[in-house]
Amino acid sequence: MKPVNDLDYVEMYAEALKNDNRLFAQQKELIDSQMQASSSLFRNMFGEDFATEARMYLRKRGVLKPLGAE
């Protein structure tokens, strides 16, 4: 089967996973690596007091309402 669109690639990968369970380990490593990178990025961006710093950042961007606003 030659993939034509994105869904074809998903179907091919699902079939490969069904036939070779070692691919699950690769997928887990990839996800763990992405989570570690995201964690590092946000820790560097917001510091150790993540919740407070993240809220301040989101308020500055207008995503969260300012303190005291209804």
C-alpha atoms as a PDB file:
ATOM      1  CA  MET A   1       0.000   0.000   0.000  1.00  0.00           C
ATOM      2  CA  LYS A   2       1.442   3.340  -1.039  1.00  0.00           C
ATOM      3  CA  PRO A   3       0.314   6.142   1.317  1.00  0.00           C
ATOM      4  CA  VAL A   4      -1.690   8.883  -0.347  1.00  0.00           C
ATOM      5  CA  ASN A   5      -2.697  11.056   2.594  1.00  0.00           C
ATOM      6  CA  ASP A   6      -2.038  11.436   6.342  1.00  0.00           C
ATOM      7  CA  LEU A   7      -4.677   8.897   7.285  1.00  0.00           C
ATOM      8  CA  ASP A   8      -2.931   6.291   5.141  1.00  0.00           C
ATOM      9  CA  TYR A   9       0.243   6.827   7.170  1.00  0.00           C
ATOM     10  CA  VAL A  10      -1.718   6.403  10.403  1.00  0.00           C
ATOM     11  CA  GLU A  11      -3.262   3.165   9.150  1.00  0.00           C
ATOM     12  CA  MET A  12       0.138   1.851   8.060  1.00  0.00           C
ATOM     13  CA  TYR A  13       1.678   2.701  11.444  1.00  0.00           C
ATOM     14  CA  ALA A  14      -1.214   1.081  13.327  1.00  0.00           C
ATOM     15  CA  GLU A  15      -0.752  -2.072  11.269  1.00  0.00           C
ATOM     16  CA  ALA A  16       2.987  -2.022  11.948  1.00  0.00           C
ATOM     17  CA  LEU A  17       2.319  -1.651  15.699  1.00  0.00           C
ATOM     18  CA  LYS A  18      -0.049  -4.595  15.563  1.00  0.00           C
ATOM     19  CA  ASN A  19       2.621  -6.730  13.913  1.00  0.00           C
ATOM     20  CA  ASP A  20       5.672  -5.568  15.911  1.00  0.00           C
ATOM     21  CA  ASN A  21       5.238  -4.756  19.597  1.00  0.00           C
ATOM     22  CA  ARG A  22       8.778  -3.332  19.815  1.00  0.00           C
ATOM     23  CA  LEU A  23       7.421  -0.193  18.166  1.00  0.00           C
ATOM     24  CA  PHE A  24       5.469   0.555  21.359  1.00  0.00           C
ATOM     25  CA  ALA A  25       8.787   0.972  23.176  1.00  0.00           C
ATOM     26  CA  GLN A  26       9.948   3.440  20.511  1.00  0.00           C
ATOM     27  CA  GLN A  27       6.699   5.398  20.791  1.00  0.00           C
ATOM     28  CA  LYS A  28       6.994   5.498  24.599  1.00  0.00           C
ATOM     29  CA  GLU A  29      10.584   6.771  24.354  1.00  0.00           C
ATOM     30  CA  LEU A  30       9.493   9.482  21.938  1.00  0.00           C
ATOM     31  CA  ILE A  31       6.621  10.611  24.164  1.00  0.00           C
ATOM     32  CA  ASP A  32       8.808  10.550  27.300  1.00  0.00           C
ATOM     33  CA  SER A  33      11.440  12.612  25.502  1.00  0.00           C
ATOM     34  CA  GLN A  34       8.853  15.180  24.387  1.00  0.00           C
ATOM     35  CA  MET A  35       7.455  15.433  27.921  1.00  0.00           C
ATOM     36  CA  GLN A  36      10.934  15.941  29.363  1.00  0.00           C
ATOM     37  CA  ALA A  37      11.716  18.654  26.796  1.00  0.00           C
ATOM     38  CA  SER A  38       8.416  20.436  27.498  1.00  0.00           C
ATOM     39  CA  SER A  39       9.007  20.243  31.237  1.00  0.00           C
ATOM     40  CA  SER A  40      12.478  21.712  30.826  1.00  0.00           C
ATOM     41  CA  LEU A  41      11.201  24.494  28.569  1.00  0.00           C
ATOM     42  CA  PHE A  42       8.469  25.548  30.987  1.00  0.00           C
ATOM     43  CA  ARG A  43      10.764  25.253  34.023  1.00  0.00           C
ATOM     44  CA  ASN A  44      13.274  27.564  32.288  1.00  0.00           C
ATOM     45  CA  MET A  45      10.506  29.924  31.184  1.00  0.00           C
ATOM     46  CA  PHE A  46       8.631  30.178  34.488  1.00  0.00           C
ATOM     47  CA  GLY A  47      11.116  29.133  37.172  1.00  0.00           C
ATOM     48  CA  GLU A  48      10.475  26.955  40.179  1.00  0.00           C
ATOM     49  CA  ASP A  49       7.200  28.683  41.185  1.00  0.00           C
ATOM     50  CA  PHE A  50       5.566  27.469  37.998  1.00  0.00           C
ATOM     51  CA  ALA A  51       1.915  28.126  38.933  1.00  0.00           C
ATOM     52  CA  THR A  52       2.433  31.754  39.975  1.00  0.00           C
ATOM     53  CA  GLU A  53       4.768  32.621  37.104  1.00  0.00           C
ATOM     54  CA  ALA A  54       2.544  30.921  34.520  1.00  0.00           C
ATOM     55  CA  ARG A  55      -0.527  32.814  35.767  1.00  0.00           C
ATOM     56  CA  MET A  56       1.348  36.116  35.564  1.00  0.00           C
ATOM     57  CA  TYR A  57       2.438  35.295  32.011  1.00  0.00           C
ATOM     58  CA  LEU A  58      -1.097  34.347  30.953  1.00  0.00           C
ATOM     59  CA  ARG A  59      -2.523  37.532  32.514  1.00  0.00           C
ATOM     60  CA  LYS A  60      -0.002  39.642  30.587  1.00  0.00           C
ATOM     61  CA  ARG A  61      -1.105  37.906  27.385  1.00  0.00           C
ATOM     62  CA  GLY A  62      -4.791  38.473  28.175  1.00  0.00           C
ATOM     63  CA  VAL A  63      -5.598  34.776  28.450  1.00  0.00           C
ATOM     64  CA  LEU A  64      -6.508  35.105  32.138  1.00  0.00           C
ATOM     65  CA  LYS A  65      -8.439  37.967  33.668  1.00  0.00           C
ATOM     66  CA  PRO A  66      -6.437  40.345  35.889  1.00  0.00           C
ATOM     67  CA  LEU A  67      -6.680  39.777  39.620  1.00  0.00           C
ATOM     68  CA  GLY A  68      -9.834  41.340  41.045  1.00  0.00           C
ATOM     69  CA  ALA A  69     -11.598  41.409  37.661  1.00  0.00           C
ATOM     70  CA  GLU A  70     -14.952  39.689  37.382  1.00  0.00           C
END
